[in-house]
Every structure is written in C-alpha cells, then in structure tokens.
Amino acid sequence: MYFETIAKIVAERVGCDPATVKPESKFSDLGIDSLDTVDLLMNLEDEIGIEIELDQKVETIDDLDRFIQSKRG
C-alpha cells in the first residue's frame, strides 16, 4: 500500500532508480543505516501524513510497508 512511496524516498536517499527497490530489499543491503532510517521515517511521515513510531525491527521495504499498514488500522 505504501511501497511506492517508501521506494521513492529510499531511492532518493541512496541515489538509485526507484525501480531497483523491491519489496524484499533489505535496508542494510541498500546502504540504509540507523541514522538514515530516522531521516527516512521523517520523510515518510511528511509524505503520508501519519506519525510512525517503530516499536519493532523492520529489515525489508515490505516489513516497513506492513508495519505502517498495521498502525493505520
């Protein structure tokens, strides 16, 4: 549901084509570290208009997408 938005923001952050970001892509494999994650989440919050408080580990783009969906209800 939020995959395209997440992929766009990740691609901008790491300087790659959004088409190369897949649901199974791991943040670590994309070069996203914990500091990048904080920035990524702030950008996502602005883009989708909800506050995201990570209270579990997310490793892949799909993990983050599912996490956001679960918090939206």
N, C-alpha and C. Protein backbone atom coordinates (compact mmCIF):
# COMPACT_ATOMS: atom_id res chain seq x y z
N MET A 1 0.82 -1.19 0.00
CA MET A 1 0.00 0.00 0.00
C MET A 1 0.87 1.27 0.00
N TYR A 2 1.94 1.25 0.79
CA TYR A 2 2.85 2.39 0.86
C TYR A 2 4.16 2.12 0.14
N PHE A 3 4.25 0.97 -0.52
CA PHE A 3 5.51 0.54 -1.13
C PHE A 3 6.11 1.59 -2.06
N GLU A 4 5.30 2.13 -2.95
CA GLU A 4 5.83 3.08 -3.94
C GLU A 4 6.41 4.32 -3.27
N THR A 5 5.73 4.80 -2.24
CA THR A 5 6.22 5.98 -1.51
C THR A 5 7.53 5.65 -0.80
N ILE A 6 7.58 4.51 -0.14
CA ILE A 6 8.80 4.09 0.56
C ILE A 6 9.94 3.94 -0.45
N ALA A 7 9.66 3.27 -1.57
CA ALA A 7 10.69 3.04 -2.59
C ALA A 7 11.23 4.35 -3.14
N LYS A 8 10.33 5.31 -3.36
CA LYS A 8 10.75 6.61 -3.89
C LYS A 8 11.69 7.33 -2.90
N ILE A 9 11.32 7.32 -1.64
CA ILE A 9 12.13 8.00 -0.63
C ILE A 9 13.47 7.29 -0.43
N VAL A 10 13.46 5.97 -0.41
CA VAL A 10 14.70 5.21 -0.28
C VAL A 10 15.61 5.48 -1.48
N ALA A 11 15.04 5.46 -2.67
CA ALA A 11 15.83 5.70 -3.88
C ALA A 11 16.47 7.09 -3.87
N GLU A 12 15.71 8.09 -3.42
CA GLU A 12 16.27 9.44 -3.32
C GLU A 12 17.40 9.47 -2.31
N ARG A 13 17.24 8.74 -1.22
CA ARG A 13 18.23 8.73 -0.14
C ARG A 13 19.55 8.09 -0.59
N VAL A 14 19.45 6.99 -1.31
CA VAL A 14 20.67 6.25 -1.69
C VAL A 14 21.13 6.55 -3.10
N GLY A 15 20.35 7.31 -3.86
CA GLY A 15 20.74 7.69 -5.20
C GLY A 15 20.63 6.58 -6.23
N CYS A 16 19.50 5.85 -6.18
CA CYS A 16 19.29 4.80 -7.17
C CYS A 16 17.93 4.99 -7.83
N ASP A 17 17.67 4.18 -8.83
CA ASP A 17 16.39 4.20 -9.53
C ASP A 17 15.34 3.52 -8.64
N PRO A 18 14.19 4.16 -8.43
CA PRO A 18 13.15 3.53 -7.59
C PRO A 18 12.75 2.14 -8.09
N ALA A 19 12.89 1.88 -9.37
CA ALA A 19 12.53 0.57 -9.93
C ALA A 19 13.43 -0.54 -9.40
N THR A 20 14.61 -0.19 -8.91
CA THR A 20 15.52 -1.22 -8.38
C THR A 20 15.20 -1.58 -6.94
N VAL A 21 14.34 -0.80 -6.29
CA VAL A 21 13.95 -1.08 -4.91
C VAL A 21 12.76 -2.03 -4.94
N LYS A 22 12.93 -3.20 -4.38
CA LYS A 22 11.92 -4.26 -4.38
C LYS A 22 11.35 -4.44 -2.97
N PRO A 23 10.16 -5.03 -2.85
CA PRO A 23 9.60 -5.27 -1.52
C PRO A 23 10.54 -6.07 -0.61
N GLU A 24 11.28 -7.02 -1.20
CA GLU A 24 12.17 -7.86 -0.40
C GLU A 24 13.53 -7.22 -0.16
N SER A 25 13.76 -6.02 -0.69
CA SER A 25 15.05 -5.33 -0.49
C SER A 25 15.26 -5.04 0.99
N LYS A 26 16.43 -5.42 1.48
CA LYS A 26 16.77 -5.13 2.88
C LYS A 26 17.38 -3.74 2.96
N PHE A 27 17.00 -3.01 4.00
CA PHE A 27 17.55 -1.66 4.19
C PHE A 27 19.07 -1.71 4.25
N SER A 28 19.62 -2.70 4.95
CA SER A 28 21.08 -2.80 5.08
C SER A 28 21.74 -3.02 3.72
N ASP A 29 21.10 -3.82 2.85
CA ASP A 29 21.65 -4.06 1.51
C ASP A 29 21.60 -2.81 0.64
N LEU A 30 20.67 -1.92 0.95
CA LEU A 30 20.53 -0.68 0.19
C LEU A 30 21.45 0.42 0.73
N GLY A 31 22.16 0.12 1.82
CA GLY A 31 23.06 1.11 2.40
C GLY A 31 22.38 2.05 3.37
N ILE A 32 21.22 1.64 3.88
CA ILE A 32 20.47 2.45 4.85
C ILE A 32 20.88 2.01 6.25
N ASP A 33 21.48 2.92 7.02
CA ASP A 33 21.85 2.59 8.40
C ASP A 33 20.83 3.19 9.36
N SER A 34 21.08 3.09 10.65
CA SER A 34 20.10 3.54 11.64
C SER A 34 19.85 5.05 11.57
N LEU A 35 20.88 5.83 11.27
CA LEU A 35 20.67 7.28 11.14
C LEU A 35 19.86 7.60 9.90
N ASP A 36 20.13 6.89 8.82
CA ASP A 36 19.35 7.07 7.59
C ASP A 36 17.89 6.70 7.84
N THR A 37 17.67 5.68 8.67
CA THR A 37 16.31 5.23 8.95
C THR A 37 15.50 6.33 9.62
N VAL A 38 16.10 7.05 10.54
CA VAL A 38 15.40 8.14 11.21
C VAL A 38 14.98 9.20 10.20
N ASP A 39 15.89 9.57 9.33
CA ASP A 39 15.60 10.56 8.28
C ASP A 39 14.52 10.03 7.33
N LEU A 40 14.65 8.77 6.96
CA LEU A 40 13.68 8.13 6.08
C LEU A 40 12.28 8.17 6.70
N LEU A 41 12.19 7.84 7.98
CA LEU A 41 10.89 7.84 8.65
C LEU A 41 10.29 9.25 8.73
N MET A 42 11.12 10.24 8.96
CA MET A 42 10.61 11.63 9.00
C MET A 42 10.07 12.02 7.63
N ASN A 43 10.78 11.67 6.57
CA ASN A 43 10.30 11.97 5.22
C ASN A 43 9.01 11.22 4.91
N LEU A 44 8.93 9.98 5.35
CA LEU A 44 7.71 9.20 5.14
C LEU A 44 6.52 9.80 5.88
N GLU A 45 6.76 10.22 7.10
CA GLU A 45 5.69 10.86 7.89
C GLU A 45 5.14 12.08 7.15
N ASP A 46 6.04 12.88 6.62
CA ASP A 46 5.61 14.07 5.86
C ASP A 46 4.83 13.67 4.61
N GLU A 47 5.29 12.64 3.94
CA GLU A 47 4.70 12.21 2.67
C GLU A 47 3.31 11.60 2.85
N ILE A 48 3.16 10.75 3.88
CA ILE A 48 1.88 10.05 4.03
C ILE A 48 0.99 10.63 5.12
N GLY A 49 1.52 11.57 5.89
CA GLY A 49 0.70 12.29 6.85
C GLY A 49 0.35 11.55 8.12
N ILE A 50 1.17 10.59 8.53
CA ILE A 50 0.96 9.93 9.81
C ILE A 50 2.28 9.84 10.56
N GLU A 51 2.18 9.74 11.88
CA GLU A 51 3.37 9.58 12.70
C GLU A 51 3.74 8.11 12.77
N ILE A 52 5.01 7.82 12.57
CA ILE A 52 5.49 6.43 12.57
C ILE A 52 6.44 6.25 13.74
N GLU A 53 6.05 5.42 14.68
CA GLU A 53 6.90 5.10 15.82
C GLU A 53 7.27 3.62 15.70
N LEU A 54 8.48 3.36 15.27
CA LEU A 54 8.90 1.97 15.11
C LEU A 54 9.07 1.33 16.48
N ASP A 55 8.26 0.31 16.75
CA ASP A 55 8.37 -0.40 18.02
C ASP A 55 8.73 -1.87 17.77
N GLN A 56 9.18 -2.13 16.55
CA GLN A 56 9.66 -3.47 16.21
C GLN A 56 10.70 -3.32 15.11
N LYS A 57 11.49 -4.36 14.93
CA LYS A 57 12.54 -4.32 13.92
C LYS A 57 11.94 -4.56 12.54
N VAL A 58 12.31 -3.71 11.60
CA VAL A 58 11.92 -3.92 10.21
C VAL A 58 13.21 -4.03 9.39
N GLU A 59 13.29 -5.07 8.59
CA GLU A 59 14.51 -5.32 7.82
C GLU A 59 14.34 -5.03 6.34
N THR A 60 13.11 -5.18 5.84
CA THR A 60 12.89 -5.02 4.41
C THR A 60 11.88 -3.90 4.14
N ILE A 61 11.82 -3.50 2.89
CA ILE A 61 10.84 -2.49 2.47
C ILE A 61 9.44 -3.00 2.78
N ASP A 62 9.18 -4.28 2.49
CA ASP A 62 7.86 -4.87 2.75
C ASP A 62 7.55 -4.88 4.24
N ASP A 63 8.55 -5.16 5.09
CA ASP A 63 8.33 -5.12 6.54
C ASP A 63 7.82 -3.74 6.97
N LEU A 64 8.45 -2.70 6.44
CA LEU A 64 8.05 -1.35 6.80
C LEU A 64 6.66 -1.04 6.27
N ASP A 65 6.37 -1.44 5.05
CA ASP A 65 5.06 -1.23 4.46
C ASP A 65 3.98 -1.90 5.33
N ARG A 66 4.20 -3.15 5.69
CA ARG A 66 3.22 -3.88 6.53
C ARG A 66 3.09 -3.23 7.91
N PHE A 67 4.21 -2.79 8.47
CA PHE A 67 4.16 -2.14 9.78
C PHE A 67 3.28 -0.89 9.73
N ILE A 68 3.48 -0.05 8.72
CA ILE A 68 2.69 1.17 8.59
C ILE A 68 1.21 0.82 8.40
N GLN A 69 0.92 -0.17 7.57
CA GLN A 69 -0.46 -0.58 7.37
C GLN A 69 -1.11 -1.05 8.67
N SER A 70 -0.35 -1.78 9.50
CA SER A 70 -0.90 -2.28 10.76
C SER A 70 -1.21 -1.14 11.72
N LYS A 71 -0.44 -0.08 11.66
CA LYS A 71 -0.67 1.06 12.55
C LYS A 71 -1.82 1.94 12.06
N ARG A 72 -2.08 1.90 10.76
CA ARG A 72 -3.18 2.69 10.21
C ARG A 72 -4.53 2.04 10.50
N GLY A 73 -4.51 0.74 10.79
CA GLY A 73 -5.75 0.04 11.09
C GLY A 73 -6.34 -0.46 9.85
